Amino acid sequence: MAHSPSPHPLLALKHVTVMRGEHPALQDITVRVEAGEHVCILGPNGCGKSTLIKTITRECHPLAKEGSSISILGRERWNVFELRSLLGIVSPDLFGLLHDRCDWPRRGAFRFFR
């Protein structure tokens, strides 16, 4: 039986700005990710990748301004611990952490993540 598509996107950021000190780390960002999509965030150092992830996980907070919003699974308000239990975020740092703690050959560790 086919699943019907969700009426809400998995993630919707509209005109989001996040400040780091006196400078915007993200400025007027609009992103929409539909349920079932796979997304990879790429860019040079300092372009805001980590800030974007931390904004999604509610570790960083956007400026409150008219027309700006963040919706995750159709909700704008979340208990942070409930939200984080539903998110799956993969970072290259995880491979390094596992590799340092386990005596796996690289190929075996890579297969684990496929």
PDB file of N, CA and C in Angstrom:
ATOM      1  N   MET A   1       0.842  -1.170   0.000  1.00  0.00           N
ATOM      2  CA  MET A   1       0.000   0.000   0.000  1.00  0.00           C
ATOM      3  C   MET A   1       0.893   1.240   0.000  1.00  0.00           C
ATOM      4  N   ALA A   2       0.645   2.183  -0.868  1.00  0.00           N
ATOM      5  CA  ALA A   2       1.446   3.400  -0.965  1.00  0.00           C
ATOM      6  C   ALA A   2       1.094   4.355   0.158  1.00  0.00           C
ATOM      7  N   HIS A   3       2.129   5.051   0.640  1.00  0.00           N
ATOM      8  CA  HIS A   3       1.909   6.066   1.668  1.00  0.00           C
ATOM      9  C   HIS A   3       1.476   7.356   1.001  1.00  0.00           C
ATOM     10  N   SER A   4       0.505   8.032   1.589  1.00  0.00           N
ATOM     11  CA  SER A   4       0.118   9.325   1.037  1.00  0.00           C
ATOM     12  C   SER A   4       1.122  10.369   1.515  1.00  0.00           C
ATOM     13  N   PRO A   5       1.443  11.332   0.675  1.00  0.00           N
ATOM     14  CA  PRO A   5       2.429  12.333   1.060  1.00  0.00           C
ATOM     15  C   PRO A   5       1.928  13.175   2.231  1.00  0.00           C
ATOM     16  N   SER A   6       2.876  13.602   3.049  1.00  0.00           N
ATOM     17  CA  SER A   6       2.549  14.447   4.190  1.00  0.00           C
ATOM     18  C   SER A   6       2.101  15.810   3.686  1.00  0.00           C
ATOM     19  N   PRO A   7       1.094  16.409   4.321  1.00  0.00           N
ATOM     20  CA  PRO A   7       0.655  17.733   3.893  1.00  0.00           C
ATOM     21  C   PRO A   7       1.667  18.813   4.281  1.00  0.00           C
ATOM     22  N   HIS A   8       2.597  18.466   5.186  1.00  0.00           N
ATOM     23  CA  HIS A   8       3.585  19.432   5.658  1.00  0.00           C
ATOM     24  C   HIS A   8       4.981  19.004   5.221  1.00  0.00           C
ATOM     25  N   PRO A   9       5.841  19.978   4.926  1.00  0.00           N
ATOM     26  CA  PRO A   9       7.224  19.605   4.619  1.00  0.00           C
ATOM     27  C   PRO A   9       7.920  19.108   5.889  1.00  0.00           C
ATOM     28  N   LEU A  10       8.957  18.338   5.689  1.00  0.00           N
ATOM     29  CA  LEU A  10       9.767  17.897   6.818  1.00  0.00           C
ATOM     30  C   LEU A  10      10.383  19.109   7.503  1.00  0.00           C
ATOM     31  N   LEU A  11      10.853  20.047   6.708  1.00  0.00           N
ATOM     32  CA  LEU A  11      11.527  21.230   7.226  1.00  0.00           C
ATOM     33  C   LEU A  11      11.194  22.423   6.344  1.00  0.00           C
ATOM     34  N   ALA A  12      10.854  23.537   6.965  1.00  0.00           N
ATOM     35  CA  ALA A  12      10.612  24.766   6.209  1.00  0.00           C
ATOM     36  C   ALA A  12      11.172  25.944   6.998  1.00  0.00           C
ATOM     37  N   LEU A  13      12.191  26.569   6.457  1.00  0.00           N
ATOM     38  CA  LEU A  13      12.751  27.791   7.025  1.00  0.00           C
ATOM     39  C   LEU A  13      12.410  28.911   6.062  1.00  0.00           C
ATOM     40  N   LYS A  14      11.861  29.994   6.576  1.00  0.00           N
ATOM     41  CA  LYS A  14      11.491  31.122   5.730  1.00  0.00           C
ATOM     42  C   LYS A  14      12.141  32.390   6.274  1.00  0.00           C
ATOM     43  N   HIS A  15      12.988  32.996   5.465  1.00  0.00           N
ATOM     44  CA  HIS A  15      13.632  34.272   5.783  1.00  0.00           C
ATOM     45  C   HIS A  15      14.284  34.263   7.167  1.00  0.00           C
ATOM     46  N   VAL A  16      15.074  33.232   7.431  1.00  0.00           N
ATOM     47  CA  VAL A  16      15.712  33.053   8.732  1.00  0.00           C
ATOM     48  C   VAL A  16      17.079  33.733   8.756  1.00  0.00           C
ATOM     49  N   THR A  17      17.323  34.491   9.820  1.00  0.00           N
ATOM     50  CA  THR A  17      18.617  35.118  10.058  1.00  0.00           C
ATOM     51  C   THR A  17      19.088  34.714  11.449  1.00  0.00           C
ATOM     52  N   VAL A  18      20.343  34.259  11.534  1.00  0.00           N
ATOM     53  CA  VAL A  18      20.943  33.866  12.802  1.00  0.00           C
ATOM     54  C   VAL A  18      22.229  34.662  12.964  1.00  0.00           C
ATOM     55  N   MET A  19      22.344  35.327  14.091  1.00  0.00           N
ATOM     56  CA  MET A  19      23.526  36.135  14.377  1.00  0.00           C
ATOM     57  C   MET A  19      24.520  35.340  15.208  1.00  0.00           C
ATOM     58  N   ARG A  20      25.796  35.535  14.931  1.00  0.00           N
ATOM     59  CA  ARG A  20      26.897  35.024  15.754  1.00  0.00           C
ATOM     60  C   ARG A  20      27.696  36.259  16.135  1.00  0.00           C
ATOM     61  N   GLY A  21      27.508  36.701  17.358  1.00  0.00           N
ATOM     62  CA  GLY A  21      28.114  37.967  17.762  1.00  0.00           C
ATOM     63  C   GLY A  21      27.425  39.104  17.025  1.00  0.00           C
ATOM     64  N   GLU A  22      28.207  39.937  16.399  1.00  0.00           N
ATOM     65  CA  GLU A  22      27.668  41.088  15.664  1.00  0.00           C
ATOM     66  C   GLU A  22      27.420  40.795  14.184  1.00  0.00           C
ATOM     67  N   HIS A  23      27.757  39.577  13.744  1.00  0.00           N
ATOM     68  CA  HIS A  23      27.691  39.261  12.319  1.00  0.00           C
ATOM     69  C   HIS A  23      26.659  38.166  12.037  1.00  0.00           C
ATOM     70  N   PRO A  24      25.938  38.288  10.911  1.00  0.00           N
ATOM     71  CA  PRO A  24      24.993  37.217  10.551  1.00  0.00           C
ATOM     72  C   PRO A  24      25.731  35.976  10.052  1.00  0.00           C
ATOM     73  N   ALA A  25      25.472  34.836  10.704  1.00  0.00           N
ATOM     74  CA  ALA A  25      26.025  33.567  10.233  1.00  0.00           C
ATOM     75  C   ALA A  25      25.127  33.000   9.136  1.00  0.00           C
ATOM     76  N   LEU A  26      23.831  33.242   9.255  1.00  0.00           N
ATOM     77  CA  LEU A  26      22.846  32.943   8.215  1.00  0.00           C
ATOM     78  C   LEU A  26      22.049  34.218   8.011  1.00  0.00           C
ATOM     79  N   GLN A  27      21.813  34.581   6.773  1.00  0.00           N
ATOM     80  CA  GLN A  27      21.072  35.816   6.531  1.00  0.00           C
ATOM     81  C   GLN A  27      19.973  35.591   5.507  1.00  0.00           C
ATOM     82  N   ASP A  28      18.734  35.741   5.972  1.00  0.00           N
ATOM     83  CA  ASP A  28      17.546  35.650   5.121  1.00  0.00           C
ATOM     84  C   ASP A  28      17.505  34.338   4.324  1.00  0.00           C
ATOM     85  N   ILE A  29      17.736  33.208   5.023  1.00  0.00           N
ATOM     86  CA  ILE A  29      17.764  31.883   4.401  1.00  0.00           C
ATOM     87  C   ILE A  29      16.343  31.330   4.286  1.00  0.00           C
ATOM     88  N   THR A  30      16.012  30.798   3.128  1.00  0.00           N
ATOM     89  CA  THR A  30      14.747  30.102   2.925  1.00  0.00           C
ATOM     90  C   THR A  30      15.072  28.716   2.365  1.00  0.00           C
ATOM     91  N   VAL A  31      14.625  27.671   3.081  1.00  0.00           N
ATOM     92  CA  VAL A  31      14.893  26.282   2.703  1.00  0.00           C
ATOM     93  C   VAL A  31      13.633  25.468   2.938  1.00  0.00           C
ATOM     94  N   ARG A  32      13.336  24.566   2.035  1.00  0.00           N
ATOM     95  CA  ARG A  32      12.206  23.655   2.208  1.00  0.00           C
ATOM     96  C   ARG A  32      12.667  22.245   1.837  1.00  0.00           C
ATOM     97  N   VAL A  33      12.449  21.300   2.750  1.00  0.00           N
ATOM     98  CA  VAL A  33      12.796  19.899   2.510  1.00  0.00           C
ATOM     99  C   VAL A  33      11.522  19.085   2.711  1.00  0.00           C
ATOM    100  N   GLU A  34      11.131  18.359   1.679  1.00  0.00           N
ATOM    101  CA  GLU A  34       9.931  17.529   1.757  1.00  0.00           C
ATOM    102  C   GLU A  34      10.246  16.191   2.419  1.00  0.00           C
ATOM    103  N   ALA A  35       9.252  15.571   2.997  1.00  0.00           N
ATOM    104  CA  ALA A  35       9.412  14.242   3.582  1.00  0.00           C
ATOM    105  C   ALA A  35       9.904  13.286   2.499  1.00  0.00           C
ATOM    106  N   GLY A  36      10.868  12.450   2.846  1.00  0.00           N
ATOM    107  CA  GLY A  36      11.414  11.487   1.902  1.00  0.00           C
ATOM    108  C   GLY A  36      12.604  11.990   1.110  1.00  0.00           C
ATOM    109  N   GLU A  37      12.862  13.285   1.143  1.00  0.00           N
ATOM    110  CA  GLU A  37      14.023  13.829   0.445  1.00  0.00           C
ATOM    111  C   GLU A  37      15.285  13.566   1.258  1.00  0.00           C
ATOM    112  N   HIS A  38      16.399  13.404   0.562  1.00  0.00           N
ATOM    113  CA  HIS A  38      17.710  13.286   1.186  1.00  0.00           C
ATOM    114  C   HIS A  38      18.477  14.546   0.842  1.00  0.00           C
ATOM    115  N   VAL A  39      19.071  15.166   1.850  1.00  0.00           N
ATOM    116  CA  VAL A  39      19.732  16.449   1.645  1.00  0.00           C
ATOM    117  C   VAL A  39      21.150  16.381   2.188  1.00  0.00           C
ATOM    118  N   CYS A  40      22.063  16.982   1.464  1.00  0.00           N
ATOM    119  CA  CYS A  40      23.445  17.101   1.896  1.00  0.00           C
ATOM    120  C   CYS A  40      23.790  18.590   1.893  1.00  0.00           C
ATOM    121  N   ILE A  41      24.350  19.075   2.972  1.00  0.00           N
ATOM    122  CA  ILE A  41      24.723  20.485   3.078  1.00  0.00           C
ATOM    123  C   ILE A  41      26.236  20.578   2.860  1.00  0.00           C
ATOM    124  N   LEU A  42      26.627  21.237   1.788  1.00  0.00           N
ATOM    125  CA  LEU A  42      28.038  21.376   1.438  1.00  0.00           C
ATOM    126  C   LEU A  42      28.411  22.845   1.348  1.00  0.00           C
ATOM    127  N   GLY A  43      29.661  23.141   1.620  1.00  0.00           N
ATOM    128  CA  GLY A  43      30.147  24.507   1.462  1.00  0.00           C
ATOM    129  C   GLY A  43      31.474  24.686   2.149  1.00  0.00           C
ATOM    130  N   PRO A  44      32.132  25.796   1.871  1.00  0.00           N
ATOM    131  CA  PRO A  44      33.438  26.053   2.473  1.00  0.00           C
ATOM    132  C   PRO A  44      33.318  26.371   3.967  1.00  0.00           C
ATOM    133  N   ASN A  45      34.440  26.310   4.655  1.00  0.00           N
ATOM    134  CA  ASN A  45      34.463  26.660   6.074  1.00  0.00           C
ATOM    135  C   ASN A  45      33.914  28.065   6.271  1.00  0.00           C
ATOM    136  N   GLY A  46      33.103  28.208   7.299  1.00  0.00           N
ATOM    137  CA  GLY A  46      32.588  29.523   7.653  1.00  0.00           C
ATOM    138  C   GLY A  46      31.368  29.980   6.891  1.00  0.00           C
ATOM    139  N   CYS A  47      30.775  29.119   6.052  1.00  0.00           N
ATOM    140  CA  CYS A  47      29.636  29.563   5.242  1.00  0.00           C
ATOM    141  C   CYS A  47      28.294  29.389   5.959  1.00  0.00           C
ATOM    142  N   GLY A  48      28.283  28.716   7.142  1.00  0.00           N
ATOM    143  CA  GLY A  48      27.035  28.610   7.899  1.00  0.00           C
ATOM    144  C   GLY A  48      26.435  27.222   7.981  1.00  0.00           C
ATOM    145  N   LYS A  49      27.144  26.196   7.529  1.00  0.00           N
ATOM    146  CA  LYS A  49      26.604  24.828   7.561  1.00  0.00           C
ATOM    147  C   LYS A  49      26.259  24.400   8.992  1.00  0.00           C
ATOM    148  N   SER A  50      27.204  24.555   9.892  1.00  0.00           N
ATOM    149  CA  SER A  50      26.972  24.145  11.289  1.00  0.00           C
ATOM    150  C   SER A  50      25.894  24.997  11.936  1.00  0.00           C
ATOM    151  N   THR A  51      25.882  26.273  11.624  1.00  0.00           N
ATOM    152  CA  THR A  51      24.850  27.152  12.177  1.00  0.00           C
ATOM    153  C   THR A  51      23.472  26.736  11.694  1.00  0.00           C
ATOM    154  N   LEU A  52      23.361  26.333  10.428  1.00  0.00           N
ATOM    155  CA  LEU A  52      22.083  25.855   9.902  1.00  0.00           C
ATOM    156  C   LEU A  52      21.623  24.612  10.663  1.00  0.00           C
ATOM    157  N   ILE A  53      22.518  23.639  10.842  1.00  0.00           N
ATOM    158  CA  ILE A  53      22.164  22.423  11.582  1.00  0.00           C
ATOM    159  C   ILE A  53      21.783  22.769  13.015  1.00  0.00           C
ATOM    160  N   LYS A  54      22.545  23.636  13.656  1.00  0.00           N
ATOM    161  CA  LYS A  54      22.239  24.015  15.043  1.00  0.00           C
ATOM    162  C   LYS A  54      20.940  24.808  15.143  1.00  0.00           C
ATOM    163  N   THR A  55      20.575  25.501  14.092  1.00  0.00           N
ATOM    164  CA  THR A  55      19.285  26.199  14.083  1.00  0.00           C
ATOM    165  C   THR A  55      18.147  25.192  13.984  1.00  0.00           C
ATOM    166  N   ILE A  56      18.325  24.170  13.166  1.00  0.00           N
ATOM    167  CA  ILE A  56      17.305  23.123  13.027  1.00  0.00           C
ATOM    168  C   ILE A  56      17.126  22.366  14.339  1.00  0.00           C
ATOM    169  N   THR A  57      18.238  22.071  15.029  1.00  0.00           N
ATOM    170  CA  THR A  57      18.160  21.323  16.293  1.00  0.00           C
ATOM    171  C   THR A  57      17.901  22.226  17.489  1.00  0.00           C
ATOM    172  N   ARG A  58      17.695  23.493  17.248  1.00  0.00           N
ATOM    173  CA  ARG A  58      17.362  24.490  18.274  1.00  0.00           C
ATOM    174  C   ARG A  58      18.511  24.770  19.239  1.00  0.00           C
ATOM    175  N   GLU A  59      19.744  24.611  18.759  1.00  0.00           N
ATOM    176  CA  GLU A  59      20.909  25.016  19.547  1.00  0.00           C
ATOM    177  C   GLU A  59      21.253  26.472  19.267  1.00  0.00           C
ATOM    178  N   CYS A  60      20.889  26.970  18.103  1.00  0.00           N
ATOM    179  CA  CYS A  60      21.008  28.381  17.740  1.00  0.00           C
ATOM    180  C   CYS A  60      19.599  28.898  17.481  1.00  0.00           C
ATOM    181  N   HIS A  61      19.405  30.167  17.757  1.00  0.00           N
ATOM    182  CA  HIS A  61      18.056  30.732  17.621  1.00  0.00           C
ATOM    183  C   HIS A  61      18.068  31.888  16.621  1.00  0.00           C
ATOM    184  N   PRO A  62      17.130  31.863  15.689  1.00  0.00           N
ATOM    185  CA  PRO A  62      17.063  32.943  14.702  1.00  0.00           C
ATOM    186  C   PRO A  62      16.505  34.222  15.318  1.00  0.00           C
ATOM    187  N   LEU A  63      16.760  35.321  14.630  1.00  0.00           N
ATOM    188  CA  LEU A  63      16.160  36.586  15.047  1.00  0.00           C
ATOM    189  C   LEU A  63      14.649  36.499  14.881  1.00  0.00           C
ATOM    190  N   ALA A  64      13.933  37.041  15.822  1.00  0.00           N
ATOM    191  CA  ALA A  64      12.473  37.107  15.711  1.00  0.00           C
ATOM    192  C   ALA A  64      12.146  38.337  14.867  1.00  0.00           C
ATOM    193  N   LYS A  65      11.633  38.093  13.668  1.00  0.00           N
ATOM    194  CA  LYS A  65      11.264  39.209  12.805  1.00  0.00           C
ATOM    195  C   LYS A  65      10.062  38.823  11.969  1.00  0.00           C
ATOM    196  N   GLU A  66       9.321  39.821  11.555  1.00  0.00           N
ATOM    197  CA  GLU A  66       8.119  39.578  10.761  1.00  0.00           C
ATOM    198  C   GLU A  66       8.466  38.850   9.467  1.00  0.00           C
ATOM    199  N   GLY A  67       7.688  37.813   9.159  1.00  0.00           N
ATOM    200  CA  GLY A  67       7.885  37.048   7.941  1.00  0.00           C
ATOM    201  C   GLY A  67       8.886  35.915   8.073  1.00  0.00           C
ATOM    202  N   SER A  68       9.514  35.774   9.240  1.00  0.00           N
ATOM    203  CA  SER A  68      10.491  34.723   9.475  1.00  0.00           C
ATOM    204  C   SER A  68       9.838  33.587  10.247  1.00  0.00           C
ATOM    205  N   SER A  69      10.117  32.335   9.838  1.00  0.00           N
ATOM    206  CA  SER A  69       9.547  31.190  10.562  1.00  0.00           C
ATOM    207  C   SER A  69      10.360  29.936  10.317  1.00  0.00           C
ATOM    208  N   ILE A  70      10.246  29.006  11.267  1.00  0.00           N
ATOM    209  CA  ILE A  70      10.836  27.677  11.129  1.00  0.00           C
ATOM    210  C   ILE A  70       9.756  26.680  11.490  1.00  0.00           C
ATOM    211  N   SER A  71       9.533  25.733  10.601  1.00  0.00           N
ATOM    212  CA  SER A  71       8.556  24.676  10.835  1.00  0.00           C
ATOM    213  C   SER A  71       9.239  23.336  10.601  1.00  0.00           C
ATOM    214  N   ILE A  72       9.109  22.429  11.567  1.00  0.00           N
ATOM    215  CA  ILE A  72       9.669  21.090  11.446  1.00  0.00           C
ATOM    216  C   ILE A  72       8.526  20.110  11.645  1.00  0.00           C
ATOM    217  N   LEU A  73       8.321  19.245  10.659  1.00  0.00           N
ATOM    218  CA  LEU A  73       7.211  18.287  10.671  1.00  0.00           C
ATOM    219  C   LEU A  73       5.872  18.992  10.884  1.00  0.00           C
ATOM    220  N   GLY A  74       5.761  20.190  10.306  1.00  0.00           N
ATOM    221  CA  GLY A  74       4.514  20.937  10.370  1.00  0.00           C
ATOM    222  C   GLY A  74       4.284  21.711  11.658  1.00  0.00           C
ATOM    223  N   ARG A  75       5.243  21.677  12.576  1.00  0.00           N
ATOM    224  CA  ARG A  75       5.082  22.386  13.854  1.00  0.00           C
ATOM    225  C   ARG A  75       6.147  23.461  14.014  1.00  0.00           C
ATOM    226  N   GLU A  76       5.739  24.599  14.559  1.00  0.00           N
ATOM    227  CA  GLU A  76       6.689  25.676  14.815  1.00  0.00           C
ATOM    228  C   GLU A  76       7.229  25.620  16.239  1.00  0.00           C
ATOM    229  N   ARG A  77       6.500  24.996  17.147  1.00  0.00           N
ATOM    230  CA  ARG A  77       6.943  24.896  18.542  1.00  0.00           C
ATOM    231  C   ARG A  77       7.171  23.440  18.909  1.00  0.00           C
ATOM    232  N   TRP A  78       8.298  23.192  19.564  1.00  0.00           N
ATOM    233  CA  TRP A  78       8.675  21.839  19.938  1.00  0.00           C
ATOM    234  C   TRP A  78       9.284  21.823  21.331  1.00  0.00           C
ATOM    235  N   ASN A  79       9.106  20.721  22.017  1.00  0.00           N
ATOM    236  CA  ASN A  79       9.937  20.405  23.160  1.00  0.00           C
ATOM    237  C   ASN A  79      11.264  19.977  22.535  1.00  0.00           C
ATOM    238  N   VAL A  80      12.344  20.639  22.883  1.00  0.00           N
ATOM    239  CA  VAL A  80      13.634  20.392  22.245  1.00  0.00           C
ATOM    240  C   VAL A  80      14.046  18.929  22.341  1.00  0.00           C
ATOM    241  N   PHE A  81      13.838  18.297  23.477  1.00  0.00           N
ATOM    242  CA  PHE A  81      14.256  16.910  23.649  1.00  0.00           C
ATOM    243  C   PHE A  81      13.418  15.965  22.781  1.00  0.00           C
ATOM    244  N   GLU A  82      12.133  16.259  22.639  1.00  0.00           N
ATOM    245  CA  GLU A  82      11.277  15.466  21.752  1.00  0.00           C
ATOM    246  C   GLU A  82      11.737  15.628  20.304  1.00  0.00           C
ATOM    247  N   LEU A  83      12.006  16.862  19.891  1.00  0.00           N
ATOM    248  CA  LEU A  83      12.451  17.129  18.527  1.00  0.00           C
ATOM    249  C   LEU A  83      13.756  16.408  18.221  1.00  0.00           C
ATOM    250  N   ARG A  84      14.729  16.532  19.091  1.00  0.00           N
ATOM    251  CA  ARG A  84      16.041  15.918  18.847  1.00  0.00           C
ATOM    252  C   ARG A  84      15.953  14.400  18.770  1.00  0.00           C
ATOM    253  N   SER A  85      14.989  13.808  19.482  1.00  0.00           N
ATOM    254  CA  SER A  85      14.843  12.348  19.417  1.00  0.00           C
ATOM    255  C   SER A  85      14.301  11.898  18.056  1.00  0.00           C
ATOM    256  N   LEU A  86      13.705  12.821  17.297  1.00  0.00           N
ATOM    257  CA  LEU A  86      13.138  12.495  15.986  1.00  0.00           C
ATOM    258  C   LEU A  86      14.086  12.789  14.827  1.00  0.00           C
ATOM    259  N   LEU A  87      15.138  13.555  15.084  1.00  0.00           N
ATOM    260  CA  LEU A  87      16.049  13.968  14.023  1.00  0.00           C
ATOM    261  C   LEU A  87      17.210  12.998  13.890  1.00  0.00           C
ATOM    262  N   GLY A  88      17.638  12.782  12.670  1.00  0.00           N
ATOM    263  CA  GLY A  88      18.830  11.990  12.393  1.00  0.00           C
ATOM    264  C   GLY A  88      19.807  12.834  11.614  1.00  0.00           C
ATOM    265  N   ILE A  89      20.880  13.253  12.259  1.00  0.00           N
ATOM    266  CA  ILE A  89      21.860  14.125  11.630  1.00  0.00           C
ATOM    267  C   ILE A  89      23.165  13.354  11.525  1.00  0.00           C
ATOM    268  N   VAL A  90      23.725  13.299  10.331  1.00  0.00           N
ATOM    269  CA  VAL A  90      24.964  12.570  10.098  1.00  0.00           C
ATOM    270  C   VAL A  90      26.051  13.578   9.755  1.00  0.00           C
ATOM    271  N   SER A  91      27.195  13.418  10.390  1.00  0.00           N
ATOM    272  CA  SER A  91      28.320  14.312  10.170  1.00  0.00           C
ATOM    273  C   SER A  91      29.576  13.487   9.935  1.00  0.00           C
ATOM    274  N   PRO A  92      30.520  13.974   9.119  1.00  0.00           N
ATOM    275  CA  PRO A  92      31.781  13.249   8.954  1.00  0.00           C
ATOM    276  C   PRO A  92      32.497  13.056  10.294  1.00  0.00           C
ATOM    277  N   ASP A  93      32.237  13.924  11.257  1.00  0.00           N
ATOM    278  CA  ASP A  93      32.851  13.791  12.582  1.00  0.00           C
ATOM    279  C   ASP A  93      32.475  12.474  13.238  1.00  0.00           C
ATOM    280  N   LEU A  94      31.284  11.955  12.939  1.00  0.00           N
ATOM    281  CA  LEU A  94      30.852  10.691  13.532  1.00  0.00           C
ATOM    282  C   LEU A  94      31.731   9.538  13.082  1.00  0.00           C
ATOM    283  N   PHE A  95      32.129   9.538  11.806  1.00  0.00           N
ATOM    284  CA  PHE A  95      32.988   8.458  11.318  1.00  0.00           C
ATOM    285  C   PHE A  95      34.314   8.472  12.059  1.00  0.00           C
ATOM    286  N   GLY A  96      34.903   9.656  12.241  1.00  0.00           N
ATOM    287  CA  GLY A  96      36.167   9.766  12.951  1.00  0.00           C
ATOM    288  C   GLY A  96      36.057   9.285  14.383  1.00  0.00           C
ATOM    289  N   LEU A  97      34.966   9.631  15.039  1.00  0.00           N
ATOM    290  CA  LEU A  97      34.746   9.208  16.420  1.00  0.00           C
ATOM    291  C   LEU A  97      34.645   7.692  16.513  1.00  0.00           C
ATOM    292  N   LEU A  98      33.856   7.083  15.627  1.00  0.00           N
ATOM    293  CA  LEU A  98      33.716   5.630  15.640  1.00  0.00           C
ATOM    294  C   LEU A  98      35.022   4.935  15.264  1.00  0.00           C
ATOM    295  N   HIS A  99      35.695   5.485  14.279  1.00  0.00           N
ATOM    296  CA  HIS A  99      36.942   4.877  13.827  1.00  0.00           C
ATOM    297  C   HIS A  99      37.979   4.886  14.950  1.00  0.00           C
ATOM    298  N   ASP A 100      38.049   5.975  15.720  1.00  0.00           N
ATOM    299  CA  ASP A 100      39.006   6.071  16.816  1.00  0.00           C
ATOM    300  C   ASP A 100      38.683   5.105  17.946  1.00  0.00           C
ATOM    301  N   ARG A 101      37.406   4.790  18.152  1.00  0.00           N
ATOM    302  CA  ARG A 101      36.992   3.946  19.268  1.00  0.00           C
ATOM    303  C   ARG A 101      36.880   2.468  18.910  1.00  0.00           C
ATOM    304  N   CYS A 102      36.864   2.152  17.627  1.00  0.00           N
ATOM    305  CA  CYS A 102      36.677   0.763  17.191  1.00  0.00           C
ATOM    306  C   CYS A 102      37.873   0.331  16.363  1.00  0.00           C
ATOM    307  N   ASP A 103      38.138  -0.942  16.385  1.00  0.00           N
ATOM    308  CA  ASP A 103      39.244  -1.482  15.621  1.00  0.00           C
ATOM    309  C   ASP A 103      38.728  -2.083  14.316  1.00  0.00           C
ATOM    310  N   TRP A 104      37.893  -1.320  13.593  1.00  0.00           N
ATOM    311  CA  TRP A 104      37.323  -1.793  12.333  1.00  0.00           C
ATOM    312  C   TRP A 104      38.238  -1.390  11.192  1.00  0.00           C
ATOM    313  N   PRO A 105      38.269  -2.196  10.166  1.00  0.00           N
ATOM    314  CA  PRO A 105      38.900  -1.691   8.935  1.00  0.00           C
ATOM    315  C   PRO A 105      37.972  -0.637   8.329  1.00  0.00           C
ATOM    316  N   ARG A 106      38.535   0.302   7.618  1.00  0.00           N
ATOM    317  CA  ARG A 106      37.721   1.387   7.040  1.00  0.00           C
ATOM    318  C   ARG A 106      36.557   0.867   6.210  1.00  0.00           C
ATOM    319  N   ARG A 107      36.790  -0.147   5.410  1.00  0.00           N
ATOM    320  CA  ARG A 107      35.734  -0.682   4.543  1.00  0.00           C
ATOM    321  C   ARG A 107      34.563  -1.199   5.372  1.00  0.00           C
ATOM    322  N   GLY A 108      34.838  -1.885   6.475  1.00  0.00           N
ATOM    323  CA  GLY A 108      33.769  -2.414   7.327  1.00  0.00           C
ATOM    324  C   GLY A 108      32.961  -1.304   7.968  1.00  0.00           C
ATOM    325  N   ALA A 109      33.638  -0.258   8.388  1.00  0.00           N
ATOM    326  CA  ALA A 109      32.939   0.865   9.017  1.00  0.00           C
ATOM    327  C   ALA A 109      32.054   1.558   7.988  1.00  0.00           C
ATOM    328  N   PHE A 110      32.569   1.693   6.764  1.00  0.00           N
ATOM    329  CA  PHE A 110      31.791   2.360   5.724  1.00  0.00           C
ATOM    330  C   PHE A 110      30.522   1.560   5.420  1.00  0.00           C
ATOM    331  N   ARG A 111      30.630   0.253   5.342  1.00  0.00           N
ATOM    332  CA  ARG A 111      29.447  -0.570   5.074  1.00  0.00           C
ATOM    333  C   ARG A 111      28.404  -0.409   6.166  1.00  0.00           C
ATOM    334  N   PHE A 112      28.853  -0.190   7.381  1.00  0.00           N
ATOM    335  CA  PHE A 112      27.938  -0.008   8.515  1.00  0.00           C
ATOM    336  C   PHE A 112      26.999   1.168   8.264  1.00  0.00           C
ATOM    337  N   PHE A 113      27.482   2.223   7.596  1.00  0.00           N
ATOM    338  CA  PHE A 113      26.679   3.436   7.394  1.00  0.00           C
ATOM    339  C   PHE A 113      25.834   3.413   6.134  1.00  0.00           C
ATOM    340  N   ARG A 114      25.961   2.420   5.292  1.00  0.00           N
ATOM    341  CA  ARG A 114      25.180   2.405   4.046  1.00  0.00           C
ATOM    342  C   ARG A 114      23.758   2.052   4.308  1.00  0.00           C
TER     343      ARG A 114
END
